Amino acid sequence: MPFKSLLNSLIERVPGAQGAIVADWEGEAVEHVGVMDDYDLKVIGAHKGVILHSMREVADRLGKDELKEIIITTKQTQTLVLPVTKDYYLVLTLDRSDMLGRALLEARRCIKRLYREIA
């Protein structure tokens, strides 16, 4: 199943989802879908990649387990950042008022499918 189909399915299954993007380790978009502006989604994806990279460095320095997910909550949005592999990650942005648990469940399912496509 192509990335676009996986991301479309994710967006459809998460109420309030605004966009989803798979990016590589440099923050470059591999594929993205959403109801928000393409440029904004790509910027969000790249920026969250910087955060992911920084958090991985901290976890490595502390000798902790591998980083599995990052949840960023602001007044209006929630953003999930989940590594797919060492070189790829998923970013899902949704409205703040929507259920985080459902978004995490669906994002984790999507990660498994993306991993099978990438690996």
C-alpha atoms as a PDB file:
ATOM      1  CA  MET A   1       0.000   0.000   0.000  1.00  0.00           C
ATOM      2  CA  PRO A   2       1.540   3.352  -0.989  1.00  0.00           C
ATOM      3  CA  PHE A   3       2.331   5.973   1.661  1.00  0.00           C
ATOM      4  CA  LYS A   4      -0.398   8.327   0.440  1.00  0.00           C
ATOM      5  CA  SER A   5      -3.075   5.665   0.963  1.00  0.00           C
ATOM      6  CA  LEU A   6      -1.788   4.941   4.475  1.00  0.00           C
ATOM      7  CA  LEU A   7      -1.798   8.635   5.380  1.00  0.00           C
ATOM      8  CA  ASN A   8      -5.261   9.166   3.885  1.00  0.00           C
ATOM      9  CA  SER A   9      -6.553   6.264   5.966  1.00  0.00           C
ATOM     10  CA  LEU A  10      -4.955   7.754   9.087  1.00  0.00           C
ATOM     11  CA  ILE A  11      -6.527  11.167   8.473  1.00  0.00           C
ATOM     12  CA  GLU A  12      -9.934   9.578   7.868  1.00  0.00           C
ATOM     13  CA  ARG A  13      -9.758   7.536  11.085  1.00  0.00           C
ATOM     14  CA  VAL A  14      -8.745  10.386  13.387  1.00  0.00           C
ATOM     15  CA  PRO A  15     -11.477  12.941  14.093  1.00  0.00           C
ATOM     16  CA  GLY A  16     -10.100  16.472  13.843  1.00  0.00           C
ATOM     17  CA  ALA A  17      -6.935  15.421  11.999  1.00  0.00           C
ATOM     18  CA  GLN A  18      -5.512  18.343  10.042  1.00  0.00           C
ATOM     19  CA  GLY A  19      -2.561  16.686   8.347  1.00  0.00           C
ATOM     20  CA  ALA A  20      -0.127  13.800   8.309  1.00  0.00           C
ATOM     21  CA  ILE A  21       3.341  13.691   6.829  1.00  0.00           C
ATOM     22  CA  VAL A  22       6.103  11.134   6.474  1.00  0.00           C
ATOM     23  CA  ALA A  23       9.511  12.787   6.318  1.00  0.00           C
ATOM     24  CA  ASP A  24      13.088  11.592   6.110  1.00  0.00           C
ATOM     25  CA  TRP A  25      15.932  12.258   8.552  1.00  0.00           C
ATOM     26  CA  GLU A  26      16.633  15.618   6.855  1.00  0.00           C
ATOM     27  CA  GLY A  27      13.047  16.800   7.332  1.00  0.00           C
ATOM     28  CA  GLU A  28      12.168  16.417   3.661  1.00  0.00           C
ATOM     29  CA  ALA A  29       8.598  15.347   2.982  1.00  0.00           C
ATOM     30  CA  VAL A  30       8.292  11.885   1.477  1.00  0.00           C
ATOM     31  CA  GLU A  31       4.495  12.051   1.364  1.00  0.00           C
ATOM     32  CA  HIS A  32       1.812  14.154   3.005  1.00  0.00           C
ATOM     33  CA  VAL A  33      -1.956  14.584   3.115  1.00  0.00           C
ATOM     34  CA  GLY A  34      -4.258  16.915   4.946  1.00  0.00           C
ATOM     35  CA  VAL A  35      -6.859  19.615   4.962  1.00  0.00           C
ATOM     36  CA  MET A  36      -4.301  22.265   5.886  1.00  0.00           C
ATOM     37  CA  ASP A  37      -2.021  24.133   3.487  1.00  0.00           C
ATOM     38  CA  ASP A  38       0.687  21.903   1.923  1.00  0.00           C
ATOM     39  CA  TYR A  39       3.461  24.370   2.672  1.00  0.00           C
ATOM     40  CA  ASP A  40       2.417  24.692   6.329  1.00  0.00           C
ATOM     41  CA  LEU A  41       2.262  20.928   6.698  1.00  0.00           C
ATOM     42  CA  LYS A  42       5.752  20.515   5.230  1.00  0.00           C
ATOM     43  CA  VAL A  43       7.131  23.202   7.572  1.00  0.00           C
ATOM     44  CA  ILE A  44       5.495  21.506  10.562  1.00  0.00           C
ATOM     45  CA  GLY A  45       6.953  18.174   9.445  1.00  0.00           C
ATOM     46  CA  ALA A  46      10.462  19.566   9.092  1.00  0.00           C
ATOM     47  CA  HIS A  47      10.293  21.442  12.395  1.00  0.00           C
ATOM     48  CA  LYS A  48       9.068  18.393  14.292  1.00  0.00           C
ATOM     49  CA  GLY A  49      11.953  16.444  12.765  1.00  0.00           C
ATOM     50  CA  VAL A  50      14.364  18.867  14.444  1.00  0.00           C
ATOM     51  CA  ILE A  51      12.609  18.256  17.763  1.00  0.00           C
ATOM     52  CA  LEU A  52      12.740  14.486  17.219  1.00  0.00           C
ATOM     53  CA  HIS A  53      16.459  14.648  16.461  1.00  0.00           C
ATOM     54  CA  SER A  54      17.137  16.717  19.599  1.00  0.00           C
ATOM     55  CA  MET A  55      15.087  14.397  21.793  1.00  0.00           C
ATOM     56  CA  ARG A  56      16.893  11.353  20.397  1.00  0.00           C
ATOM     57  CA  GLU A  57      20.249  12.944  21.248  1.00  0.00           C
ATOM     58  CA  VAL A  58      19.129  13.592  24.821  1.00  0.00           C
ATOM     59  CA  ALA A  59      17.819  10.041  25.201  1.00  0.00           C
ATOM     60  CA  ASP A  60      21.100   8.652  23.825  1.00  0.00           C
ATOM     61  CA  ARG A  61      23.170  10.779  26.219  1.00  0.00           C
ATOM     62  CA  LEU A  62      21.078   9.618  29.159  1.00  0.00           C
ATOM     63  CA  GLY A  63      21.319   6.009  28.023  1.00  0.00           C
ATOM     64  CA  LYS A  64      17.567   5.614  28.076  1.00  0.00           C
ATOM     65  CA  ASP A  65      15.346   3.448  25.916  1.00  0.00           C
ATOM     66  CA  GLU A  66      14.710   4.256  22.277  1.00  0.00           C
ATOM     67  CA  LEU A  67      12.343   7.181  21.759  1.00  0.00           C
ATOM     68  CA  LYS A  68       8.908   5.940  20.648  1.00  0.00           C
ATOM     69  CA  GLU A  69       6.748   9.061  20.356  1.00  0.00           C
ATOM     70  CA  ILE A  70       6.534  12.744  21.135  1.00  0.00           C
ATOM     71  CA  ILE A  71       3.280  14.542  21.919  1.00  0.00           C
ATOM     72  CA  ILE A  72       3.234  18.327  21.584  1.00  0.00           C
ATOM     73  CA  THR A  73       0.158  20.094  22.900  1.00  0.00           C
ATOM     74  CA  THR A  74      -0.574  23.765  22.340  1.00  0.00           C
ATOM     75  CA  LYS A  75      -3.658  25.847  23.021  1.00  0.00           C
ATOM     76  CA  GLN A  76      -5.213  24.911  19.656  1.00  0.00           C
ATOM     77  CA  THR A  77      -3.473  21.772  18.389  1.00  0.00           C
ATOM     78  CA  GLN A  78      -1.917  18.464  19.296  1.00  0.00           C
ATOM     79  CA  THR A  79       0.945  17.105  17.249  1.00  0.00           C
ATOM     80  CA  LEU A  80       2.245  13.558  17.390  1.00  0.00           C
ATOM     81  CA  VAL A  81       5.734  12.677  16.197  1.00  0.00           C
ATOM     82  CA  LEU A  82       6.510   8.981  15.840  1.00  0.00           C
ATOM     83  CA  PRO A  83       9.679   7.474  14.395  1.00  0.00           C
ATOM     84  CA  VAL A  84       9.054   4.841  11.739  1.00  0.00           C
ATOM     85  CA  THR A  85      12.726   3.868  11.390  1.00  0.00           C
ATOM     86  CA  LYS A  86      15.961   5.650  12.241  1.00  0.00           C
ATOM     87  CA  ASP A  87      15.640   7.577   8.981  1.00  0.00           C
ATOM     88  CA  TYR A  88      11.888   8.233   8.699  1.00  0.00           C
ATOM     89  CA  TYR A  89       9.166   9.603  10.947  1.00  0.00           C
ATOM     90  CA  LEU A  90       5.458  10.374  10.968  1.00  0.00           C
ATOM     91  CA  VAL A  91       3.890  13.648  12.093  1.00  0.00           C
ATOM     92  CA  LEU A  92       0.153  13.874  12.736  1.00  0.00           C
ATOM     93  CA  THR A  93      -1.464  17.224  13.545  1.00  0.00           C
ATOM     94  CA  LEU A  94      -4.978  17.457  14.955  1.00  0.00           C
ATOM     95  CA  ASP A  95      -7.322  19.862  16.668  1.00  0.00           C
ATOM     96  CA  ARG A  96      -6.692  20.315  20.386  1.00  0.00           C
ATOM     97  CA  SER A  97     -10.242  19.434  21.361  1.00  0.00           C
ATOM     98  CA  ASP A  98     -10.141  15.955  19.862  1.00  0.00           C
ATOM     99  CA  MET A  99      -9.282  12.718  21.607  1.00  0.00           C
ATOM    100  CA  LEU A 100      -5.563  12.092  21.890  1.00  0.00           C
ATOM    101  CA  GLY A 101      -6.006   8.391  22.664  1.00  0.00           C
ATOM    102  CA  ARG A 102      -7.694   7.686  19.350  1.00  0.00           C
ATOM    103  CA  ALA A 103      -5.004   9.625  17.487  1.00  0.00           C
ATOM    104  CA  LEU A 104      -2.225   7.665  19.219  1.00  0.00           C
ATOM    105  CA  LEU A 105      -3.894   4.336  18.491  1.00  0.00           C
ATOM    106  CA  GLU A 106      -4.333   5.106  14.803  1.00  0.00           C
ATOM    107  CA  ALA A 107      -0.851   6.653  14.468  1.00  0.00           C
ATOM    108  CA  ARG A 108       0.732   3.550  16.016  1.00  0.00           C
ATOM    109  CA  ARG A 109      -1.176   1.342  13.573  1.00  0.00           C
ATOM    110  CA  CYS A 110      -0.025   3.533  10.707  1.00  0.00           C
ATOM    111  CA  ILE A 111       3.597   3.318  11.894  1.00  0.00           C
ATOM    112  CA  LYS A 112       3.491  -0.488  11.720  1.00  0.00           C
ATOM    113  CA  ARG A 113       2.192  -0.347   8.151  1.00  0.00           C
ATOM    114  CA  LEU A 114       4.693   2.320   7.131  1.00  0.00           C
ATOM    115  CA  TYR A 115       7.513   0.261   8.616  1.00  0.00           C
ATOM    116  CA  ARG A 116       6.516  -2.743   6.487  1.00  0.00           C
ATOM    117  CA  GLU A 117       6.576  -0.530   3.385  1.00  0.00           C
ATOM    118  CA  ILE A 118       9.952   1.019   4.206  1.00  0.00           C
ATOM    119  CA  ALA A 119      11.812  -1.996   5.609  1.00  0.00           C
END
